[in-house]
């Protein structure tokens, strides 16, 4: 079965956004619960970058 490749998958910007999204999650694992108020919005923002990139094409 062939994998479907969408237009946004071909963009270097999209690939960089996916790589960036992984970094905050790695760092956030080390943050204690006390920093939850900063961690959660940071992770949501990191996830939104590639999603917006997909929508804008």
C-alpha atoms as a PDB file:
ATOM      1  CA  UNK A   1       0.000   0.000   0.000  1.00  0.00           C
ATOM      2  CA  UNK A   2       1.354   3.395  -0.952  1.00  0.00           C
ATOM      3  CA  UNK A   3       1.492   6.136   1.643  1.00  0.00           C
ATOM      4  CA  UNK A   4      -0.385   9.290   0.753  1.00  0.00           C
ATOM      5  CA  UNK A   5       1.745  12.423   0.744  1.00  0.00           C
ATOM      6  CA  UNK A   6      -0.062  15.696   1.177  1.00  0.00           C
ATOM      7  CA  UNK A   7       1.252  19.021  -0.089  1.00  0.00           C
ATOM      8  CA  UNK A   8       2.172  20.203   3.393  1.00  0.00           C
ATOM      9  CA  UNK A   9       4.290  17.063   3.905  1.00  0.00           C
ATOM     10  CA  UNK A  10       6.591  18.211   1.124  1.00  0.00           C
ATOM     11  CA  UNK A  11       7.387  21.521   2.777  1.00  0.00           C
ATOM     12  CA  UNK A  12      10.615  21.945   4.710  1.00  0.00           C
ATOM     13  CA  UNK A  13       8.827  24.344   7.031  1.00  0.00           C
ATOM     14  CA  UNK A  14       6.386  21.617   8.018  1.00  0.00           C
ATOM     15  CA  UNK A  15       9.227  19.218   8.802  1.00  0.00           C
ATOM     16  CA  UNK A  16      10.906  21.845  10.981  1.00  0.00           C
ATOM     17  CA  UNK A  17       7.624  22.508  12.774  1.00  0.00           C
ATOM     18  CA  UNK A  18       7.251  18.804  13.579  1.00  0.00           C
ATOM     19  CA  UNK A  19      10.821  18.675  14.903  1.00  0.00           C
ATOM     20  CA  UNK A  20      10.212  21.770  17.022  1.00  0.00           C
ATOM     21  CA  UNK A  21       7.011  20.283  18.430  1.00  0.00           C
ATOM     22  CA  UNK A  22       8.938  17.317  19.829  1.00  0.00           C
ATOM     23  CA  UNK A  23      11.437  19.511  21.719  1.00  0.00           C
ATOM     24  CA  UNK A  24       9.004  21.186  24.153  1.00  0.00           C
ATOM     25  CA  UNK A  25       7.522  17.806  25.031  1.00  0.00           C
ATOM     26  CA  UNK A  26      10.984  16.473  25.893  1.00  0.00           C
ATOM     27  CA  UNK A  27      11.748  19.517  28.056  1.00  0.00           C
ATOM     28  CA  UNK A  28       8.284  19.538  29.660  1.00  0.00           C
ATOM     29  CA  UNK A  29       8.781  16.034  31.026  1.00  0.00           C
ATOM     30  CA  UNK A  30      11.476  17.425  33.321  1.00  0.00           C
ATOM     31  CA  UNK A  31       9.316  20.270  34.643  1.00  0.00           C
ATOM     32  CA  UNK A  32       7.739  19.598  38.032  1.00  0.00           C
ATOM     33  CA  UNK A  33       4.009  19.969  38.615  1.00  0.00           C
ATOM     34  CA  UNK A  34       4.609  23.412  40.083  1.00  0.00           C
ATOM     35  CA  UNK A  35       5.294  24.730  36.564  1.00  0.00           C
ATOM     36  CA  UNK A  36       2.107  23.303  35.072  1.00  0.00           C
ATOM     37  CA  UNK A  37       0.678  26.785  34.474  1.00  0.00           C
ATOM     38  CA  UNK A  38       3.545  27.509  32.072  1.00  0.00           C
ATOM     39  CA  UNK A  39       3.963  24.026  30.616  1.00  0.00           C
ATOM     40  CA  UNK A  40       0.442  23.395  29.292  1.00  0.00           C
ATOM     41  CA  UNK A  41       0.077  26.571  27.167  1.00  0.00           C
ATOM     42  CA  UNK A  42       3.611  26.063  25.849  1.00  0.00           C
ATOM     43  CA  UNK A  43       2.769  22.546  24.667  1.00  0.00           C
ATOM     44  CA  UNK A  44      -0.511  23.672  23.077  1.00  0.00           C
ATOM     45  CA  UNK A  45       1.314  26.461  21.247  1.00  0.00           C
ATOM     46  CA  UNK A  46       3.976  24.043  20.016  1.00  0.00           C
ATOM     47  CA  UNK A  47       1.292  21.704  18.674  1.00  0.00           C
ATOM     48  CA  UNK A  48      -0.528  24.514  16.901  1.00  0.00           C
ATOM     49  CA  UNK A  49       2.472  25.427  14.713  1.00  0.00           C
ATOM     50  CA  UNK A  50       2.352  22.366  12.412  1.00  0.00           C
ATOM     51  CA  UNK A  51      -1.454  22.346  12.484  1.00  0.00           C
ATOM     52  CA  UNK A  52      -1.629  25.924  11.237  1.00  0.00           C
ATOM     53  CA  UNK A  53       1.023  25.123   8.635  1.00  0.00           C
ATOM     54  CA  UNK A  54      -1.206  22.304   7.323  1.00  0.00           C
ATOM     55  CA  UNK A  55      -4.233  24.547   7.104  1.00  0.00           C
ATOM     56  CA  UNK A  56      -2.415  27.307   5.270  1.00  0.00           C
ATOM     57  CA  UNK A  57      -0.728  24.902   2.884  1.00  0.00           C
END
